[in-house]
Amino acid sequence: MTAKTYDGFTDAERDAMKQRAKELKGRRGDAEPEVLAKIADMAEFDRVIGQRLHELIKEHAPEMTSKLWYGMPSYARNGKTVCFFQPSTKFKTRYAILGFSDEARLDDGTVWPTYFAISALDDAAESTIVALIKQALS
């Protein structure tokens, strides 16, 4: 039996932390151009989902501002991140993720999901996402 050793953070995790430190140094209002540039640089699978997700959030939650959060597109209310888009390539996962922070009002009893896998966007998925965004801001 071999023991696993802890080598510290992965390269992807270290990169995310570096991006977050850089974001905090350059903190300002709406970072729409930076978010759109980040989405444009994504692999096609993630880019298609990221662009549509961005459009849905801007259309249905115009009070939220765009910003980068650990190098990922995110959306904030009163400066606090409510939700973010984690592309599948960020940590080499098989699907993209729409995640919500504790600022989101998704509470449903004592246990509720805060991360949602996205493998494709169709009308049903978009409706679910819009409902989640609206609930998060309620």
Protein backbone atom coordinates (compact mmCIF):
# COMPACT_ATOMS: atom_id res chain seq x y z
CA MET A 1 0.00 0.00 0.00
CA THR A 2 1.43 3.38 -1.00
CA ALA A 3 0.67 6.56 0.84
CA LYS A 4 -0.42 9.61 -1.11
CA THR A 5 1.70 12.66 -0.55
CA TYR A 6 0.41 16.19 -0.54
CA ASP A 7 2.25 18.34 -3.07
CA GLY A 8 0.31 21.50 -2.35
CA PHE A 9 -1.92 23.30 -4.80
CA THR A 10 -2.27 22.23 -8.41
CA ASP A 11 -1.04 24.51 -11.17
CA ALA A 12 -4.67 25.43 -11.96
CA GLU A 13 -5.35 26.31 -8.32
CA ARG A 14 -2.19 28.43 -8.08
CA ASP A 15 -3.15 30.20 -11.30
CA ALA A 16 -6.65 30.95 -9.95
CA MET A 17 -5.16 32.43 -6.78
CA LYS A 18 -2.76 34.61 -8.79
CA GLN A 19 -5.65 35.82 -10.95
CA ARG A 20 -7.69 36.64 -7.83
CA ALA A 21 -4.82 38.66 -6.32
CA LYS A 22 -4.48 40.57 -9.59
CA GLU A 23 -8.25 41.23 -9.65
CA LEU A 24 -8.17 42.63 -6.12
CA LYS A 25 -5.33 45.02 -6.98
CA GLY A 26 -7.22 46.36 -9.99
CA ARG A 27 -10.61 46.48 -8.28
CA ARG A 28 -13.11 48.91 -9.83
CA GLY A 29 -16.71 49.00 -11.08
CA ASP A 30 -18.17 46.99 -13.93
CA ALA A 31 -15.48 44.92 -15.66
CA GLU A 32 -17.63 44.09 -18.69
CA PRO A 33 -14.76 44.37 -21.23
CA GLU A 34 -12.52 42.06 -19.20
CA VAL A 35 -15.32 39.51 -18.75
CA LEU A 36 -16.16 39.53 -22.47
CA ALA A 37 -12.46 39.13 -23.32
CA LYS A 38 -12.18 36.19 -20.91
CA ILE A 39 -15.22 34.54 -22.52
CA ALA A 40 -13.85 35.18 -26.02
CA ASP A 41 -10.60 33.40 -25.06
CA MET A 42 -12.40 30.22 -23.94
CA ALA A 43 -12.46 26.97 -25.87
CA GLU A 44 -15.48 26.80 -28.18
CA PHE A 45 -17.61 24.56 -25.92
CA ASP A 46 -17.17 26.91 -22.96
CA ARG A 47 -17.31 30.08 -25.06
CA VAL A 48 -20.75 29.25 -26.48
CA ILE A 49 -22.16 28.57 -23.02
CA GLY A 50 -20.35 31.54 -21.45
CA GLN A 51 -21.60 34.00 -24.07
CA ARG A 52 -25.21 32.86 -23.77
CA LEU A 53 -25.06 32.80 -19.98
CA HIS A 54 -23.68 36.34 -20.01
CA GLU A 55 -26.53 37.45 -22.28
CA LEU A 56 -29.15 35.81 -20.05
CA ILE A 57 -27.76 37.42 -16.91
CA LYS A 58 -27.52 40.87 -18.50
CA GLU A 59 -31.06 40.58 -19.85
CA HIS A 60 -32.74 39.20 -16.72
CA ALA A 61 -30.57 40.74 -14.00
CA PRO A 62 -29.41 44.12 -15.32
CA GLU A 63 -28.70 45.30 -11.78
CA MET A 64 -25.73 42.93 -11.57
CA THR A 65 -22.29 44.06 -12.68
CA SER A 66 -19.77 41.91 -14.48
CA LYS A 67 -16.43 41.16 -12.90
CA LEU A 68 -13.71 38.54 -12.87
CA TRP A 69 -13.54 36.27 -9.85
CA TYR A 70 -10.57 33.88 -9.64
CA GLY A 71 -10.21 34.45 -13.37
CA MET A 72 -13.80 33.43 -14.11
CA PRO A 73 -16.69 35.57 -15.38
CA SER A 74 -18.87 36.48 -12.44
CA TYR A 75 -21.77 38.75 -11.66
CA ALA A 76 -22.16 40.87 -8.57
CA ARG A 77 -24.73 42.91 -6.74
CA ASN A 78 -23.48 45.74 -4.52
CA GLY A 79 -19.93 44.62 -5.25
CA LYS A 80 -20.45 41.08 -3.92
CA THR A 81 -20.31 38.07 -6.23
CA VAL A 82 -23.68 36.36 -6.61
CA CYS A 83 -22.87 33.88 -9.37
CA PHE A 84 -20.02 32.83 -11.62
CA PHE A 85 -19.30 30.75 -14.70
CA GLN A 86 -16.57 28.14 -14.37
CA PRO A 87 -15.57 26.84 -17.80
CA SER A 88 -14.88 23.13 -18.09
CA THR A 89 -11.27 23.84 -18.98
CA LYS A 90 -10.63 25.78 -15.74
CA PHE A 91 -10.02 22.62 -13.73
CA LYS A 92 -10.26 20.10 -16.58
CA THR A 93 -13.79 18.91 -15.80
CA ARG A 94 -16.23 17.35 -18.24
CA TYR A 95 -18.81 20.13 -17.93
CA ALA A 96 -19.04 23.84 -17.27
CA ILE A 97 -20.49 25.10 -13.99
CA LEU A 98 -22.85 27.89 -13.02
CA GLY A 99 -22.05 28.50 -9.37
CA PHE A 100 -23.68 30.69 -6.75
CA SER A 101 -22.08 32.27 -3.70
CA ASP A 102 -23.65 32.64 -0.29
CA GLU A 103 -24.95 36.03 -1.49
CA ALA A 104 -27.47 34.15 -3.66
CA ARG A 105 -30.87 33.55 -2.10
CA LEU A 106 -31.31 29.97 -3.26
CA ASP A 107 -32.23 28.77 0.22
CA ASP A 108 -34.67 25.86 0.18
CA GLY A 109 -35.03 24.30 3.61
CA THR A 110 -31.77 23.26 5.23
CA VAL A 111 -30.00 21.82 2.16
CA TRP A 112 -29.90 23.23 -1.38
CA PRO A 113 -27.60 23.11 -4.42
CA THR A 114 -25.32 26.01 -5.28
CA TYR A 115 -23.41 24.57 -8.27
CA PHE A 116 -25.08 23.49 -11.49
CA ALA A 117 -23.40 21.50 -14.25
CA ILE A 118 -24.04 22.77 -17.78
CA SER A 119 -23.35 20.40 -20.66
CA ALA A 120 -25.44 22.31 -23.21
CA LEU A 121 -27.93 25.17 -23.31
CA ASP A 122 -31.37 24.52 -24.73
CA ASP A 123 -34.67 26.30 -24.00
CA ALA A 124 -35.32 24.22 -20.87
CA ALA A 125 -31.82 24.84 -19.49
CA GLU A 126 -32.09 28.56 -20.19
CA SER A 127 -35.45 28.71 -18.38
CA THR A 128 -33.93 26.95 -15.38
CA ILE A 129 -30.98 29.35 -15.34
CA VAL A 130 -33.21 32.43 -15.57
CA ALA A 131 -35.34 31.12 -12.68
CA LEU A 132 -32.19 30.49 -10.60
CA ILE A 133 -30.84 33.98 -11.31
CA LYS A 134 -34.14 35.59 -10.34
CA GLN A 135 -34.38 33.51 -7.17
CA ALA A 136 -30.76 34.32 -6.30
CA LEU A 137 -31.59 38.03 -6.36
CA SER A 138 -34.91 37.78 -4.52
